[in-house]
Amino acid sequence: MQLYYNPYSSNTRRVLLAADHLGVDFDLVKIDLASQDDRRRLGEINDNGKLPVLIDGDFVLWESCAIMQYLADGTPGQTVWPQERRARADVSRWMFWACQHFAPAIGVLTWEHLWKKYVTGQDADPKEVARGEADLAEAARVLDKHLATRRWLVGDAVSLADYAVVAPLMYKEKARLPLADYPHLLAWFERIQALPAWQRTDHDW
């Protein structure tokens, strides 16, 4: 299998976390999003022009959470993607929530505080920062409440849900994410950071 990726992509980080946990290896194909030629190559396999993309023989799969589920389904004996109907739905719920709510809010702040100056030369827009912080506060409140009585998002052990939600926190410091008021979220993040999968995929982003 090949994985088209970029090390600065939190969507890529999701897949790398799952793959490391599952013991899945692939040939990594790095895409430089600043390169017109690399973007053309990416567009040839994903009309969305987004990363990551998995190629398994003649099967091309994009969308990070779909890739995570596909890798888990191909790994006998895995425990991060439950077989039981309700547990699997619960994991899916948090994976969808990560993509629809948590990651987009963090993405606003990552863009404004980290990438915007590099890409456009412009400083952060206070209105956009305020919007990102408000959206993040709403999502972080939900996550913090959920984690007040449990160590992991679903069940008694780490699952694809944890890896999907946690990935954009790789930019917690650089994007100046205002999370000090969410102790249960931060304690969970510390537990994730202690996992071998996080440590092995942490390359000084």
C-alpha atoms as a PDB file:
ATOM      1  CA  MET A   1       0.000   0.000   0.000  1.00  0.00           C
ATOM      2  CA  GLN A   2       1.028   3.586  -0.609  1.00  0.00           C
ATOM      3  CA  LEU A   3       0.070   6.586   1.489  1.00  0.00           C
ATOM      4  CA  TYR A   4       0.281  10.011  -0.089  1.00  0.00           C
ATOM      5  CA  TYR A   5       0.889  12.340   2.838  1.00  0.00           C
ATOM      6  CA  ASN A   6       2.390  15.501   4.208  1.00  0.00           C
ATOM      7  CA  PRO A   7       3.967  15.543   7.698  1.00  0.00           C
ATOM      8  CA  TYR A   8       2.343  18.879   8.549  1.00  0.00           C
ATOM      9  CA  SER A   9      -1.179  17.541   7.938  1.00  0.00           C
ATOM     10  CA  SER A  10      -3.186  16.612  11.029  1.00  0.00           C
ATOM     11  CA  ASN A  11      -5.418  14.493   8.787  1.00  0.00           C
ATOM     12  CA  THR A  12      -2.304  12.546   7.854  1.00  0.00           C
ATOM     13  CA  ARG A  13      -1.396  12.287  11.543  1.00  0.00           C
ATOM     14  CA  ARG A  14      -4.719  10.529  12.221  1.00  0.00           C
ATOM     15  CA  VAL A  15      -3.883   7.831   9.716  1.00  0.00           C
ATOM     16  CA  LEU A  16      -0.291   7.465  10.907  1.00  0.00           C
ATOM     17  CA  LEU A  17      -1.482   7.049  14.505  1.00  0.00           C
ATOM     18  CA  ALA A  18      -3.915   4.319  13.533  1.00  0.00           C
ATOM     19  CA  ALA A  19      -1.422   2.592  11.265  1.00  0.00           C
ATOM     20  CA  ASP A  20       1.273   2.588  13.934  1.00  0.00           C
ATOM     21  CA  HIS A  21      -1.129   1.191  16.525  1.00  0.00           C
ATOM     22  CA  LEU A  22      -2.247  -1.523  14.088  1.00  0.00           C
ATOM     23  CA  GLY A  23       1.261  -2.350  12.911  1.00  0.00           C
ATOM     24  CA  VAL A  24       0.414  -1.458   9.311  1.00  0.00           C
ATOM     25  CA  ASP A  25       3.247  -0.448   6.988  1.00  0.00           C
ATOM     26  CA  PHE A  26       3.004   1.423   3.724  1.00  0.00           C
ATOM     27  CA  ASP A  27       5.238   3.152   1.251  1.00  0.00           C
ATOM     28  CA  LEU A  28       5.048   6.835   2.104  1.00  0.00           C
ATOM     29  CA  VAL A  29       4.809   9.272  -0.797  1.00  0.00           C
ATOM     30  CA  LYS A  30       5.430  12.797   0.451  1.00  0.00           C
ATOM     31  CA  ILE A  31       3.488  15.575  -1.250  1.00  0.00           C
ATOM     32  CA  ASP A  32       4.835  19.123  -1.003  1.00  0.00           C
ATOM     33  CA  LEU A  33       1.727  21.267  -1.142  1.00  0.00           C
ATOM     34  CA  ALA A  34       3.833  24.271  -2.095  1.00  0.00           C
ATOM     35  CA  SER A  35       4.918  22.472  -5.275  1.00  0.00           C
ATOM     36  CA  GLN A  36       2.702  22.889  -8.339  1.00  0.00           C
ATOM     37  CA  ASP A  37       3.956  19.587  -9.709  1.00  0.00           C
ATOM     38  CA  ASP A  38       3.172  17.738  -6.477  1.00  0.00           C
ATOM     39  CA  ARG A  39      -0.303  19.284  -6.341  1.00  0.00           C
ATOM     40  CA  ARG A  40      -0.876  18.093  -9.904  1.00  0.00           C
ATOM     41  CA  ARG A  41       0.173  14.555  -8.903  1.00  0.00           C
ATOM     42  CA  LEU A  42      -2.196  14.691  -5.964  1.00  0.00           C
ATOM     43  CA  GLY A  43      -5.053  15.899  -8.144  1.00  0.00           C
ATOM     44  CA  GLU A  44      -4.575  12.893 -10.399  1.00  0.00           C
ATOM     45  CA  ILE A  45      -5.544  10.522  -7.567  1.00  0.00           C
ATOM     46  CA  ASN A  46      -7.910  12.736  -5.566  1.00  0.00           C
ATOM     47  CA  ASP A  47     -10.126  15.283  -7.286  1.00  0.00           C
ATOM     48  CA  ASN A  48     -10.471  17.052  -3.929  1.00  0.00           C
ATOM     49  CA  GLY A  49      -6.750  17.790  -3.937  1.00  0.00           C
ATOM     50  CA  LYS A  50      -6.548  16.810  -0.269  1.00  0.00           C
ATOM     51  CA  LEU A  51      -4.327  14.552   1.810  1.00  0.00           C
ATOM     52  CA  PRO A  52      -3.968  11.798   2.815  1.00  0.00           C
ATOM     53  CA  VAL A  53      -4.730   9.288   0.054  1.00  0.00           C
ATOM     54  CA  LEU A  54      -4.291   5.520   0.369  1.00  0.00           C
ATOM     55  CA  ILE A  55      -3.616   3.333  -2.656  1.00  0.00           C
ATOM     56  CA  ASP A  56      -4.091  -0.389  -2.147  1.00  0.00           C
ATOM     57  CA  GLY A  57      -3.654  -2.099  -5.491  1.00  0.00           C
ATOM     58  CA  ASP A  58      -6.353  -0.722  -7.770  1.00  0.00           C
ATOM     59  CA  PHE A  59      -8.298   0.779  -4.838  1.00  0.00           C
ATOM     60  CA  VAL A  60      -7.828   4.487  -4.157  1.00  0.00           C
ATOM     61  CA  LEU A  61      -9.236   5.766  -0.865  1.00  0.00           C
ATOM     62  CA  TRP A  62      -9.303   9.338   0.417  1.00  0.00           C
ATOM     63  CA  GLU A  63     -10.731  10.844   3.632  1.00  0.00           C
ATOM     64  CA  SER A  64      -8.600  10.168   6.686  1.00  0.00           C
ATOM     65  CA  CYS A  65     -11.250   8.508   8.858  1.00  0.00           C
ATOM     66  CA  ALA A  66     -12.316   6.178   6.039  1.00  0.00           C
ATOM     67  CA  ILE A  67      -8.661   5.177   5.632  1.00  0.00           C
ATOM     68  CA  MET A  68      -8.387   4.507   9.370  1.00  0.00           C
ATOM     69  CA  GLN A  69     -11.427   2.233   9.303  1.00  0.00           C
ATOM     70  CA  TYR A  70     -10.181   0.430   6.203  1.00  0.00           C
ATOM     71  CA  LEU A  71      -6.811  -0.269   7.821  1.00  0.00           C
ATOM     72  CA  ALA A  72      -8.465  -1.567  10.984  1.00  0.00           C
ATOM     73  CA  ASP A  73     -10.839  -3.826   9.036  1.00  0.00           C
ATOM     74  CA  GLY A  74      -7.812  -5.395   7.365  1.00  0.00           C
ATOM     75  CA  THR A  75      -6.026  -6.125  10.669  1.00  0.00           C
ATOM     76  CA  PRO A  76      -7.045  -9.395  12.359  1.00  0.00           C
ATOM     77  CA  GLY A  77      -7.465  -9.200  16.118  1.00  0.00           C
ATOM     78  CA  GLN A  78      -7.488  -5.396  16.285  1.00  0.00           C
ATOM     79  CA  THR A  79      -9.449  -3.709  19.079  1.00  0.00           C
ATOM     80  CA  VAL A  80      -9.532  -0.039  18.028  1.00  0.00           C
ATOM     81  CA  TRP A  81     -12.487  -0.493  15.626  1.00  0.00           C
ATOM     82  CA  PRO A  82     -15.092  -2.555  17.504  1.00  0.00           C
ATOM     83  CA  GLN A  83     -17.172  -5.281  15.896  1.00  0.00           C
ATOM     84  CA  GLU A  84     -20.183  -4.831  18.178  1.00  0.00           C
ATOM     85  CA  ARG A  85     -22.811  -2.652  16.512  1.00  0.00           C
ATOM     86  CA  ARG A  86     -23.321   0.030  19.154  1.00  0.00           C
ATOM     87  CA  ALA A  87     -19.656   0.308  20.069  1.00  0.00           C
ATOM     88  CA  ARG A  88     -18.748   0.737  16.402  1.00  0.00           C
ATOM     89  CA  ALA A  89     -21.439   3.388  15.982  1.00  0.00           C
ATOM     90  CA  ASP A  90     -20.080   5.191  19.044  1.00  0.00           C
ATOM     91  CA  VAL A  91     -16.572   5.240  17.574  1.00  0.00           C
ATOM     92  CA  SER A  92     -17.973   6.472  14.254  1.00  0.00           C
ATOM     93  CA  ARG A  93     -19.887   9.205  16.072  1.00  0.00           C
ATOM     94  CA  TRP A  94     -16.680  10.675  17.492  1.00  0.00           C
ATOM     95  CA  MET A  95     -14.801  10.300  14.221  1.00  0.00           C
ATOM     96  CA  PHE A  96     -17.528  12.256  12.411  1.00  0.00           C
ATOM     97  CA  TRP A  97     -17.601  14.819  15.227  1.00  0.00           C
ATOM     98  CA  ALA A  98     -13.844  15.269  14.933  1.00  0.00           C
ATOM     99  CA  CYS A  99     -14.163  16.100  11.243  1.00  0.00           C
ATOM    100  CA  GLN A 100     -17.246  18.295  11.549  1.00  0.00           C
ATOM    101  CA  HIS A 101     -16.612  20.245  14.741  1.00  0.00           C
ATOM    102  CA  PHE A 102     -13.313  19.840  16.595  1.00  0.00           C
ATOM    103  CA  ALA A 103     -10.808  19.859  13.736  1.00  0.00           C
ATOM    104  CA  PRO A 104     -12.432  22.749  11.794  1.00  0.00           C
ATOM    105  CA  ALA A 105     -12.369  24.979  14.880  1.00  0.00           C
ATOM    106  CA  ILE A 106      -8.711  24.189  15.490  1.00  0.00           C
ATOM    107  CA  GLY A 107      -8.039  24.650  11.782  1.00  0.00           C
ATOM    108  CA  VAL A 108      -9.117  28.301  11.943  1.00  0.00           C
ATOM    109  CA  LEU A 109      -6.584  29.002  14.691  1.00  0.00           C
ATOM    110  CA  THR A 110      -3.857  26.930  13.041  1.00  0.00           C
ATOM    111  CA  TRP A 111      -4.294  28.947   9.861  1.00  0.00           C
ATOM    112  CA  GLU A 112      -4.424  32.336  11.563  1.00  0.00           C
ATOM    113  CA  HIS A 113      -1.583  31.795  14.052  1.00  0.00           C
ATOM    114  CA  LEU A 114       0.708  29.475  12.131  1.00  0.00           C
ATOM    115  CA  TRP A 115       0.271  29.182   8.374  1.00  0.00           C
ATOM    116  CA  LYS A 116      -1.273  32.481   7.266  1.00  0.00           C
ATOM    117  CA  LYS A 117       1.883  34.580   7.656  1.00  0.00           C
ATOM    118  CA  TYR A 118       3.946  31.926   5.904  1.00  0.00           C
ATOM    119  CA  VAL A 119       1.551  31.507   2.972  1.00  0.00           C
ATOM    120  CA  THR A 120       0.161  35.028   2.477  1.00  0.00           C
ATOM    121  CA  GLY A 121       2.463  37.312   4.439  1.00  0.00           C
ATOM    122  CA  GLN A 122      -0.550  38.639   6.336  1.00  0.00           C
ATOM    123  CA  ASP A 123      -1.013  38.771  10.098  1.00  0.00           C
ATOM    124  CA  ALA A 124      -3.806  37.009  11.934  1.00  0.00           C
ATOM    125  CA  ASP A 125      -7.286  38.500  11.566  1.00  0.00           C
ATOM    126  CA  PRO A 126      -8.680  39.195  15.078  1.00  0.00           C
ATOM    127  CA  LYS A 127     -12.227  38.483  13.908  1.00  0.00           C
ATOM    128  CA  GLU A 128     -11.223  35.099  12.533  1.00  0.00           C
ATOM    129  CA  VAL A 129      -9.266  34.288  15.679  1.00  0.00           C
ATOM    130  CA  ALA A 130     -12.325  35.149  17.768  1.00  0.00           C
ATOM    131  CA  ARG A 131     -14.502  32.950  15.567  1.00  0.00           C
ATOM    132  CA  GLY A 132     -12.093  30.037  15.871  1.00  0.00           C
ATOM    133  CA  GLU A 133     -11.816  30.439  19.632  1.00  0.00           C
ATOM    134  CA  ALA A 134     -15.605  30.530  20.014  1.00  0.00           C
ATOM    135  CA  ASP A 135     -16.068  27.403  17.898  1.00  0.00           C
ATOM    136  CA  LEU A 136     -13.276  25.632  19.762  1.00  0.00           C
ATOM    137  CA  ALA A 137     -14.750  26.563  23.124  1.00  0.00           C
ATOM    138  CA  GLU A 138     -18.060  25.001  22.141  1.00  0.00           C
ATOM    139  CA  ALA A 139     -16.430  21.780  20.950  1.00  0.00           C
ATOM    140  CA  ALA A 140     -13.943  21.617  23.834  1.00  0.00           C
ATOM    141  CA  ARG A 141     -16.790  21.943  26.340  1.00  0.00           C
ATOM    142  CA  VAL A 142     -18.494  18.884  24.843  1.00  0.00           C
ATOM    143  CA  LEU A 143     -15.258  16.879  24.832  1.00  0.00           C
ATOM    144  CA  ASP A 144     -14.263  17.908  28.346  1.00  0.00           C
ATOM    145  CA  LYS A 145     -17.678  16.955  29.761  1.00  0.00           C
ATOM    146  CA  HIS A 146     -17.556  13.582  28.042  1.00  0.00           C
ATOM    147  CA  LEU A 147     -14.078  12.859  29.396  1.00  0.00           C
ATOM    148  CA  ALA A 148     -14.930  13.861  32.971  1.00  0.00           C
ATOM    149  CA  THR A 149     -15.919  10.293  33.826  1.00  0.00           C
ATOM    150  CA  ARG A 150     -13.768   8.204  31.482  1.00  0.00           C
ATOM    151  CA  ARG A 151     -10.174   7.766  30.308  1.00  0.00           C
ATOM    152  CA  TRP A 152     -10.924   7.179  26.619  1.00  0.00           C
ATOM    153  CA  LEU A 153     -13.668   8.363  24.305  1.00  0.00           C
ATOM    154  CA  VAL A 154     -15.290   4.956  23.807  1.00  0.00           C
ATOM    155  CA  GLY A 155     -14.981   1.926  26.066  1.00  0.00           C
ATOM    156  CA  ASP A 156     -12.052   1.110  28.315  1.00  0.00           C
ATOM    157  CA  ALA A 157      -9.171   1.472  25.850  1.00  0.00           C
ATOM    158  CA  VAL A 158      -7.926   3.709  23.078  1.00  0.00           C
ATOM    159  CA  SER A 159      -9.855   3.470  19.812  1.00  0.00           C
ATOM    160  CA  LEU A 160      -9.958   5.071  16.391  1.00  0.00           C
ATOM    161  CA  ALA A 161     -12.176   7.714  17.985  1.00  0.00           C
ATOM    162  CA  ASP A 162      -9.315   8.939  20.189  1.00  0.00           C
ATOM    163  CA  TYR A 163      -6.844   9.022  17.321  1.00  0.00           C
ATOM    164  CA  ALA A 164      -9.293  10.858  15.042  1.00  0.00           C
ATOM    165  CA  VAL A 165     -10.136  13.534  17.597  1.00  0.00           C
ATOM    166  CA  VAL A 166      -6.650  14.087  19.012  1.00  0.00           C
ATOM    167  CA  ALA A 167      -4.702  14.572  15.770  1.00  0.00           C
ATOM    168  CA  PRO A 168      -5.127  18.371  15.375  1.00  0.00           C
ATOM    169  CA  LEU A 169      -3.891  18.866  18.947  1.00  0.00           C
ATOM    170  CA  MET A 170      -0.427  18.277  17.517  1.00  0.00           C
ATOM    171  CA  TYR A 171      -0.557  22.065  17.018  1.00  0.00           C
ATOM    172  CA  LYS A 172      -1.749  22.861  20.532  1.00  0.00           C
ATOM    173  CA  GLU A 173       1.159  25.190  21.353  1.00  0.00           C
ATOM    174  CA  LYS A 174       1.966  26.620  17.923  1.00  0.00           C
ATOM    175  CA  ALA A 175      -1.663  27.467  17.189  1.00  0.00           C
ATOM    176  CA  ARG A 176      -2.121  28.911  20.700  1.00  0.00           C
ATOM    177  CA  LEU A 177      -5.184  26.801  21.397  1.00  0.00           C
ATOM    178  CA  PRO A 178      -7.013  28.196  24.461  1.00  0.00           C
ATOM    179  CA  LEU A 179      -7.641  24.945  26.328  1.00  0.00           C
ATOM    180  CA  ALA A 180      -6.592  25.772  29.888  1.00  0.00           C
ATOM    181  CA  ASP A 181     -10.200  25.663  31.110  1.00  0.00           C
ATOM    182  CA  TYR A 182     -10.704  22.034  30.053  1.00  0.00           C
ATOM    183  CA  PRO A 183      -8.795  19.828  32.524  1.00  0.00           C
ATOM    184  CA  HIS A 184     -10.368  16.529  31.497  1.00  0.00           C
ATOM    185  CA  LEU A 185      -9.539  17.182  27.835  1.00  0.00           C
ATOM    186  CA  LEU A 186      -5.943  18.044  28.748  1.00  0.00           C
ATOM    187  CA  ALA A 187      -5.562  14.949  30.946  1.00  0.00           C
ATOM    188  CA  TRP A 188      -6.817  12.797  28.069  1.00  0.00           C
ATOM    189  CA  PHE A 189      -4.349  14.480  25.710  1.00  0.00           C
ATOM    190  CA  GLU A 190      -1.544  13.648  28.136  1.00  0.00           C
ATOM    191  CA  ARG A 191      -2.634  10.007  28.091  1.00  0.00           C
ATOM    192  CA  ILE A 192      -2.561  10.011  24.297  1.00  0.00           C
ATOM    193  CA  GLN A 193       0.889  11.618  24.271  1.00  0.00           C
ATOM    194  CA  ALA A 194       2.166   8.790  26.477  1.00  0.00           C
ATOM    195  CA  LEU A 195       1.104   6.156  23.938  1.00  0.00           C
ATOM    196  CA  PRO A 196       3.793   4.601  21.717  1.00  0.00           C
ATOM    197  CA  ALA A 197       1.796   5.459  18.587  1.00  0.00           C
ATOM    198  CA  TRP A 198       1.866   9.171  19.415  1.00  0.00           C
ATOM    199  CA  GLN A 199       5.540   9.161  20.301  1.00  0.00           C
ATOM    200  CA  ARG A 200       6.549   7.268  17.169  1.00  0.00           C
ATOM    201  CA  THR A 201       4.604   9.626  14.901  1.00  0.00           C
ATOM    202  CA  ASP A 202       5.776  12.813  16.625  1.00  0.00           C
ATOM    203  CA  HIS A 203       8.423  14.304  14.376  1.00  0.00           C
ATOM    204  CA  ASP A 204       8.733  17.829  15.719  1.00  0.00           C
ATOM    205  CA  TRP A 205       5.790  19.098  13.695  1.00  0.00           C
END
